Amino acid sequence: MEKNYQFRNSIYLLVDKYELDLHNDYDFTRLNYSVEERTAELHWKRSCRDWVKSDLPTAAILVFYGISRFEFKPRDGDLPFTEDDCLSTMGYLSNEVGCEEIFWTEEAPENEWMHAFEFMSGAVIVLQAEKSSATIKP
């Protein structure tokens, strides 16, 4: 899959000169999925928590194009809704035997791997697409 970013240590998004901690420093705000256009957008904004540096970019957006698979696995109803905006881990899923859990690698992903984003609430977004790109807003 063609893309302009990398994942590192399952919570960092690396784009250009930026290394964004999407678990600690950013809040997930929305998912836009277009069936007609076969695209999905995942949006994060810089958190207002006191430890978050004010000079970090204000937002990060991941856009997926040519989606061939989209899944949303439900959240744990026993957890508070405040856990929905906190990324737990991001990485990949594979249909290979023994690869039922989300994994991450710094190597280029194989084309058949799906991107996976798990949140502290237990919700998981799974996407397989032809290409994706990241945009950072200063």
N, C-alpha and C. Protein backbone atom coordinates (compact mmCIF):
# COMPACT_ATOMS: atom_id res chain seq x y z
N MET A 1 0.83 -1.18 0.00
CA MET A 1 0.00 0.00 0.00
C MET A 1 0.88 1.24 0.00
N GLU A 2 0.51 2.15 -0.83
CA GLU A 2 1.21 3.43 -0.92
C GLU A 2 0.78 4.32 0.25
N LYS A 3 1.77 4.90 0.98
CA LYS A 3 1.46 5.80 2.09
C LYS A 3 2.65 6.70 2.39
N ASN A 4 2.40 7.80 3.09
CA ASN A 4 3.44 8.78 3.38
C ASN A 4 3.78 8.85 4.88
N TYR A 5 3.52 7.81 5.62
CA TYR A 5 3.75 7.81 7.07
C TYR A 5 4.17 6.42 7.51
N GLN A 6 4.55 6.34 8.79
CA GLN A 6 4.88 5.05 9.41
C GLN A 6 4.29 5.03 10.81
N PHE A 7 4.11 3.83 11.36
CA PHE A 7 3.77 3.64 12.75
C PHE A 7 5.06 3.27 13.48
N ARG A 8 5.15 3.62 14.76
CA ARG A 8 6.28 3.16 15.58
C ARG A 8 5.76 2.85 16.97
N ASN A 9 6.19 1.75 17.51
CA ASN A 9 5.84 1.32 18.86
C ASN A 9 4.34 1.33 19.13
N SER A 10 3.54 1.14 18.14
CA SER A 10 2.09 0.98 18.16
C SER A 10 1.29 2.20 18.62
N ILE A 11 1.95 3.33 18.94
CA ILE A 11 1.20 4.53 19.30
C ILE A 11 1.71 5.79 18.61
N TYR A 12 2.86 5.70 17.95
CA TYR A 12 3.46 6.89 17.32
C TYR A 12 3.16 6.90 15.82
N LEU A 13 2.77 8.08 15.35
CA LEU A 13 2.57 8.32 13.92
C LEU A 13 3.73 9.17 13.45
N LEU A 14 4.51 8.68 12.50
CA LEU A 14 5.66 9.40 11.96
C LEU A 14 5.30 9.93 10.58
N VAL A 15 5.32 11.26 10.46
CA VAL A 15 5.01 11.94 9.20
C VAL A 15 5.98 13.09 9.05
N ASP A 16 6.70 13.13 7.94
CA ASP A 16 7.68 14.19 7.70
C ASP A 16 8.60 14.30 8.92
N LYS A 17 8.68 15.47 9.52
CA LYS A 17 9.56 15.68 10.67
C LYS A 17 8.88 15.40 12.00
N TYR A 18 7.61 15.00 11.96
CA TYR A 18 6.83 14.83 13.18
C TYR A 18 6.80 13.39 13.67
N GLU A 19 6.79 13.23 14.97
CA GLU A 19 6.59 11.95 15.64
C GLU A 19 5.51 12.20 16.69
N LEU A 20 4.27 11.86 16.35
CA LEU A 20 3.13 12.18 17.19
C LEU A 20 2.70 10.99 18.03
N ASP A 21 2.57 11.20 19.32
CA ASP A 21 2.11 10.18 20.25
C ASP A 21 0.58 10.25 20.29
N LEU A 22 -0.06 9.40 19.51
CA LEU A 22 -1.51 9.45 19.41
C LEU A 22 -2.20 8.86 20.64
N HIS A 23 -1.48 8.17 21.49
CA HIS A 23 -2.06 7.62 22.72
C HIS A 23 -2.11 8.67 23.83
N ASN A 24 -1.01 9.36 24.07
CA ASN A 24 -0.91 10.28 25.20
C ASN A 24 -1.23 11.73 24.87
N ASP A 25 -0.92 12.18 23.66
CA ASP A 25 -0.99 13.60 23.35
C ASP A 25 -2.14 14.01 22.44
N TYR A 26 -2.89 13.04 21.92
CA TYR A 26 -3.96 13.36 20.97
C TYR A 26 -5.23 12.61 21.34
N ASP A 27 -6.36 13.24 21.03
CA ASP A 27 -7.68 12.63 21.25
C ASP A 27 -8.30 12.33 19.90
N PHE A 28 -8.81 11.12 19.76
CA PHE A 28 -9.52 10.73 18.54
C PHE A 28 -10.86 11.45 18.55
N THR A 29 -11.19 12.12 17.43
CA THR A 29 -12.42 12.91 17.41
C THR A 29 -13.50 12.38 16.48
N ARG A 30 -13.09 11.77 15.36
CA ARG A 30 -14.14 11.27 14.47
C ARG A 30 -13.59 10.35 13.38
N LEU A 31 -14.54 9.62 12.83
CA LEU A 31 -14.30 8.74 11.69
C LEU A 31 -15.34 9.10 10.64
N ASN A 32 -14.89 9.43 9.44
CA ASN A 32 -15.79 9.69 8.31
C ASN A 32 -15.57 8.56 7.30
N TYR A 33 -16.63 7.82 7.00
CA TYR A 33 -16.53 6.72 6.05
C TYR A 33 -17.51 6.97 4.91
N SER A 34 -17.03 6.97 3.69
CA SER A 34 -17.87 7.16 2.51
C SER A 34 -17.92 5.86 1.72
N VAL A 35 -19.10 5.28 1.69
CA VAL A 35 -19.31 4.06 0.89
C VAL A 35 -19.14 4.40 -0.58
N GLU A 36 -19.73 5.52 -0.99
CA GLU A 36 -19.72 5.92 -2.40
C GLU A 36 -18.29 6.16 -2.90
N GLU A 37 -17.48 6.87 -2.12
CA GLU A 37 -16.11 7.21 -2.54
C GLU A 37 -15.08 6.16 -2.13
N ARG A 38 -15.50 5.20 -1.31
CA ARG A 38 -14.60 4.17 -0.77
C ARG A 38 -13.41 4.81 -0.04
N THR A 39 -13.71 5.79 0.80
CA THR A 39 -12.68 6.47 1.60
C THR A 39 -13.09 6.48 3.07
N ALA A 40 -12.09 6.62 3.92
CA ALA A 40 -12.32 6.79 5.35
C ALA A 40 -11.29 7.78 5.87
N GLU A 41 -11.73 8.65 6.77
CA GLU A 41 -10.85 9.62 7.41
C GLU A 41 -10.90 9.40 8.92
N LEU A 42 -9.73 9.33 9.54
CA LEU A 42 -9.62 9.24 10.99
C LEU A 42 -8.98 10.53 11.48
N HIS A 43 -9.64 11.19 12.43
CA HIS A 43 -9.20 12.51 12.89
C HIS A 43 -8.78 12.48 14.36
N TRP A 44 -7.64 13.09 14.66
CA TRP A 44 -7.17 13.30 16.02
C TRP A 44 -6.91 14.79 16.22
N LYS A 45 -7.12 15.27 17.45
CA LYS A 45 -6.75 16.65 17.78
C LYS A 45 -5.84 16.62 19.01
N ARG A 46 -4.99 17.64 19.10
CA ARG A 46 -4.08 17.74 20.25
C ARG A 46 -4.92 17.84 21.51
N SER A 47 -4.56 17.06 22.50
CA SER A 47 -5.29 17.03 23.76
C SER A 47 -5.03 18.29 24.58
N CYS A 48 -5.96 18.62 25.44
CA CYS A 48 -5.84 19.78 26.33
C CYS A 48 -5.26 19.39 27.70
N ARG A 49 -4.84 18.16 27.85
CA ARG A 49 -4.29 17.73 29.15
C ARG A 49 -3.02 18.52 29.46
N ASP A 50 -2.75 18.71 30.74
CA ASP A 50 -1.68 19.62 31.16
C ASP A 50 -0.28 19.17 30.75
N TRP A 51 -0.06 17.90 30.49
CA TRP A 51 1.28 17.43 30.11
C TRP A 51 1.57 17.58 28.61
N VAL A 52 0.54 17.89 27.82
CA VAL A 52 0.70 17.96 26.38
C VAL A 52 1.32 19.31 26.00
N LYS A 53 2.42 19.26 25.26
CA LYS A 53 3.12 20.47 24.86
C LYS A 53 2.29 21.28 23.86
N SER A 54 2.21 22.57 24.08
CA SER A 54 1.40 23.43 23.22
C SER A 54 2.02 23.66 21.84
N ASP A 55 3.29 23.29 21.67
CA ASP A 55 3.91 23.49 20.36
C ASP A 55 3.74 22.27 19.43
N LEU A 56 3.03 21.25 19.89
CA LEU A 56 2.74 20.10 19.02
C LEU A 56 1.72 20.52 17.96
N PRO A 57 1.71 19.86 16.82
CA PRO A 57 0.68 20.15 15.81
C PRO A 57 -0.72 20.00 16.42
N THR A 58 -1.66 20.77 15.91
CA THR A 58 -3.02 20.77 16.48
C THR A 58 -3.85 19.55 16.08
N ALA A 59 -3.51 18.93 14.95
CA ALA A 59 -4.33 17.81 14.49
C ALA A 59 -3.56 16.89 13.56
N ALA A 60 -4.06 15.66 13.47
CA ALA A 60 -3.53 14.67 12.53
C ALA A 60 -4.73 13.98 11.89
N ILE A 61 -4.64 13.78 10.59
CA ILE A 61 -5.72 13.12 9.85
C ILE A 61 -5.11 12.01 9.00
N LEU A 62 -5.65 10.82 9.10
CA LEU A 62 -5.29 9.71 8.23
C LEU A 62 -6.45 9.48 7.28
N VAL A 63 -6.14 9.43 5.99
CA VAL A 63 -7.18 9.20 4.97
C VAL A 63 -6.82 7.92 4.22
N PHE A 64 -7.81 7.05 4.05
CA PHE A 64 -7.64 5.79 3.34
C PHE A 64 -8.48 5.84 2.07
N TYR A 65 -7.88 5.43 0.95
CA TYR A 65 -8.51 5.50 -0.38
C TYR A 65 -8.63 4.09 -0.96
N GLY A 66 -9.71 3.86 -1.70
CA GLY A 66 -9.89 2.56 -2.34
C GLY A 66 -10.11 1.46 -1.32
N ILE A 67 -10.98 1.70 -0.37
CA ILE A 67 -11.21 0.73 0.70
C ILE A 67 -11.88 -0.52 0.15
N SER A 68 -11.30 -1.67 0.49
CA SER A 68 -11.88 -2.95 0.10
C SER A 68 -12.42 -3.70 1.31
N ARG A 69 -12.06 -3.23 2.51
CA ARG A 69 -12.57 -3.85 3.74
C ARG A 69 -12.66 -2.79 4.82
N PHE A 70 -13.81 -2.74 5.49
CA PHE A 70 -14.03 -1.81 6.59
C PHE A 70 -14.78 -2.55 7.68
N GLU A 71 -14.24 -2.50 8.89
CA GLU A 71 -14.90 -3.13 10.04
C GLU A 71 -14.84 -2.18 11.22
N PHE A 72 -15.88 -2.19 12.01
CA PHE A 72 -15.87 -1.49 13.27
C PHE A 72 -16.30 -2.49 14.33
N LYS A 73 -15.36 -2.85 15.18
CA LYS A 73 -15.67 -3.80 16.25
C LYS A 73 -16.13 -3.00 17.46
N PRO A 74 -17.19 -3.43 18.11
CA PRO A 74 -17.81 -2.61 19.15
C PRO A 74 -16.96 -2.41 20.39
N ARG A 75 -17.27 -1.33 21.07
CA ARG A 75 -16.64 -0.97 22.33
C ARG A 75 -17.18 -1.87 23.43
N ASP A 76 -16.48 -1.92 24.55
CA ASP A 76 -16.93 -2.63 25.75
C ASP A 76 -17.93 -1.73 26.46
N GLY A 77 -19.18 -2.14 26.53
CA GLY A 77 -20.24 -1.34 27.12
C GLY A 77 -20.05 -1.05 28.60
N ASP A 78 -19.18 -1.79 29.27
CA ASP A 78 -18.93 -1.56 30.70
C ASP A 78 -17.90 -0.46 30.95
N LEU A 79 -17.21 -0.02 29.90
CA LEU A 79 -16.19 1.02 30.07
C LEU A 79 -16.80 2.40 29.84
N PRO A 80 -16.26 3.42 30.51
CA PRO A 80 -16.81 4.78 30.32
C PRO A 80 -16.54 5.29 28.90
N PHE A 81 -17.42 6.17 28.42
CA PHE A 81 -17.28 6.73 27.08
C PHE A 81 -16.02 7.58 26.93
N THR A 82 -15.43 8.01 28.04
CA THR A 82 -14.19 8.79 27.99
C THR A 82 -13.04 7.96 27.43
N GLU A 83 -13.20 6.66 27.33
CA GLU A 83 -12.16 5.80 26.78
C GLU A 83 -12.24 5.67 25.26
N ASP A 84 -13.29 6.22 24.65
CA ASP A 84 -13.47 6.12 23.20
C ASP A 84 -12.48 6.96 22.41
N ASP A 85 -11.96 8.04 23.01
CA ASP A 85 -11.07 8.93 22.25
C ASP A 85 -9.59 8.63 22.46
N CYS A 86 -9.29 7.62 23.25
CA CYS A 86 -7.89 7.31 23.56
C CYS A 86 -7.42 6.06 22.81
N LEU A 87 -6.49 6.27 21.89
CA LEU A 87 -5.92 5.15 21.13
C LEU A 87 -5.14 4.25 22.07
N SER A 88 -5.39 2.97 21.98
CA SER A 88 -4.63 1.99 22.76
C SER A 88 -3.44 1.49 21.95
N THR A 89 -3.72 1.10 20.71
CA THR A 89 -2.67 0.58 19.84
C THR A 89 -3.10 0.71 18.38
N MET A 90 -2.13 0.88 17.51
CA MET A 90 -2.41 0.84 16.08
C MET A 90 -1.37 -0.05 15.42
N GLY A 91 -1.78 -0.70 14.41
CA GLY A 91 -0.88 -1.61 13.72
C GLY A 91 -1.60 -2.29 12.59
N TYR A 92 -1.43 -3.61 12.53
CA TYR A 92 -1.95 -4.36 11.39
C TYR A 92 -2.62 -5.63 11.86
N LEU A 93 -3.51 -6.13 11.03
CA LEU A 93 -4.12 -7.44 11.19
C LEU A 93 -3.85 -8.21 9.90
N SER A 94 -3.76 -9.51 10.04
CA SER A 94 -3.53 -10.37 8.89
C SER A 94 -4.50 -11.54 8.96
N ASN A 95 -4.85 -12.08 7.82
CA ASN A 95 -5.71 -13.26 7.77
C ASN A 95 -4.92 -14.55 7.94
N GLU A 96 -3.60 -14.44 8.12
CA GLU A 96 -2.77 -15.62 8.29
C GLU A 96 -3.08 -16.32 9.61
N VAL A 97 -2.95 -17.62 9.63
CA VAL A 97 -3.18 -18.40 10.84
C VAL A 97 -2.20 -17.93 11.92
N GLY A 98 -2.71 -17.72 13.11
CA GLY A 98 -1.87 -17.29 14.22
C GLY A 98 -1.71 -15.78 14.33
N CYS A 99 -2.39 -15.03 13.48
CA CYS A 99 -2.27 -13.55 13.49
C CYS A 99 -3.62 -12.91 13.80
N GLU A 100 -4.27 -13.38 14.85
CA GLU A 100 -5.59 -12.87 15.19
C GLU A 100 -5.52 -11.54 15.96
N GLU A 101 -4.37 -11.23 16.51
CA GLU A 101 -4.21 -10.01 17.31
C GLU A 101 -3.55 -8.91 16.48
N ILE A 102 -3.77 -7.67 16.88
CA ILE A 102 -3.13 -6.54 16.22
C ILE A 102 -1.62 -6.60 16.50
N PHE A 103 -0.83 -6.40 15.46
CA PHE A 103 0.62 -6.37 15.62
C PHE A 103 1.15 -5.14 14.90
N TRP A 104 2.34 -4.72 15.25
CA TRP A 104 2.95 -3.59 14.56
C TRP A 104 4.35 -3.99 14.12
N THR A 105 4.81 -3.33 13.12
CA THR A 105 6.15 -3.55 12.62
C THR A 105 6.64 -2.26 12.00
N GLU A 106 7.93 -2.05 12.05
CA GLU A 106 8.50 -0.88 11.41
C GLU A 106 8.84 -1.16 9.94
N GLU A 107 8.68 -2.40 9.54
CA GLU A 107 8.89 -2.78 8.15
C GLU A 107 7.68 -2.35 7.33
N ALA A 108 7.84 -2.26 6.03
CA ALA A 108 6.72 -1.93 5.14
C ALA A 108 5.69 -3.05 5.23
N PRO A 109 4.41 -2.70 5.43
CA PRO A 109 3.40 -3.75 5.55
C PRO A 109 3.15 -4.44 4.22
N GLU A 110 2.74 -5.69 4.30
CA GLU A 110 2.38 -6.42 3.10
C GLU A 110 1.01 -5.93 2.64
N ASN A 111 0.75 -6.01 1.34
CA ASN A 111 -0.48 -5.47 0.77
C ASN A 111 -1.75 -6.07 1.37
N GLU A 112 -1.71 -7.32 1.76
CA GLU A 112 -2.93 -7.95 2.27
C GLU A 112 -3.19 -7.64 3.75
N TRP A 113 -2.25 -7.01 4.42
CA TRP A 113 -2.46 -6.64 5.82
C TRP A 113 -3.46 -5.50 5.90
N MET A 114 -4.23 -5.51 6.97
CA MET A 114 -5.23 -4.48 7.21
C MET A 114 -4.72 -3.55 8.32
N HIS A 115 -4.97 -2.26 8.20
CA HIS A 115 -4.67 -1.32 9.27
C HIS A 115 -5.69 -1.55 10.39
N ALA A 116 -5.23 -1.48 11.63
CA ALA A 116 -6.12 -1.66 12.77
C ALA A 116 -5.82 -0.61 13.83
N PHE A 117 -6.88 -0.01 14.36
CA PHE A 117 -6.77 1.02 15.39
C PHE A 117 -7.67 0.59 16.55
N GLU A 118 -7.05 0.28 17.68
CA GLU A 118 -7.82 -0.14 18.85
C GLU A 118 -7.80 0.97 19.88
N PHE A 119 -8.93 1.18 20.52
CA PHE A 119 -9.09 2.25 21.50
C PHE A 119 -9.23 1.65 22.90
N MET A 120 -9.01 2.47 23.91
CA MET A 120 -9.05 2.01 25.29
C MET A 120 -10.43 1.45 25.65
N SER A 121 -11.47 1.84 24.94
CA SER A 121 -12.82 1.32 25.17
C SER A 121 -13.02 -0.07 24.61
N GLY A 122 -12.03 -0.56 23.87
CA GLY A 122 -12.13 -1.87 23.23
C GLY A 122 -12.61 -1.80 21.79
N ALA A 123 -13.10 -0.65 21.35
CA ALA A 123 -13.53 -0.49 19.96
C ALA A 123 -12.32 -0.63 19.04
N VAL A 124 -12.53 -1.20 17.86
CA VAL A 124 -11.46 -1.38 16.89
C VAL A 124 -11.97 -0.98 15.50
N ILE A 125 -11.17 -0.18 14.80
CA ILE A 125 -11.44 0.17 13.41
C ILE A 125 -10.44 -0.61 12.56
N VAL A 126 -10.94 -1.37 11.58
CA VAL A 126 -10.09 -2.16 10.70
C VAL A 126 -10.33 -1.69 9.26
N LEU A 127 -9.24 -1.39 8.55
CA LEU A 127 -9.34 -0.88 7.19
C LEU A 127 -8.34 -1.58 6.29
N GLN A 128 -8.78 -1.94 5.10
CA GLN A 128 -7.88 -2.38 4.05
C GLN A 128 -8.14 -1.49 2.86
N ALA A 129 -7.07 -0.87 2.34
CA ALA A 129 -7.23 0.12 1.29
C ALA A 129 -6.07 0.04 0.31
N GLU A 130 -6.26 0.67 -0.84
CA GLU A 130 -5.22 0.71 -1.86
C GLU A 130 -4.09 1.66 -1.48
N LYS A 131 -4.43 2.79 -0.84
CA LYS A 131 -3.43 3.73 -0.40
C LYS A 131 -3.99 4.56 0.75
N SER A 132 -3.09 5.23 1.44
CA SER A 132 -3.49 6.10 2.54
C SER A 132 -2.48 7.22 2.67
N SER A 133 -2.90 8.29 3.34
CA SER A 133 -1.99 9.40 3.55
C SER A 133 -2.31 10.06 4.88
N ALA A 134 -1.29 10.71 5.43
CA ALA A 134 -1.44 11.44 6.69
C ALA A 134 -1.23 12.92 6.42
N THR A 135 -2.04 13.73 7.08
CA THR A 135 -1.90 15.19 7.02
C THR A 135 -1.77 15.69 8.45
N ILE A 136 -0.80 16.56 8.66
CA ILE A 136 -0.58 17.16 9.96
C ILE A 136 -0.96 18.63 9.87
N LYS A 137 -1.73 19.10 10.84
CA LYS A 137 -2.13 20.51 10.88
C LYS A 137 -1.34 21.21 11.98
N PRO A 138 -0.59 22.26 11.63
CA PRO A 138 0.27 22.94 12.62
C PRO A 138 -0.53 23.57 13.76
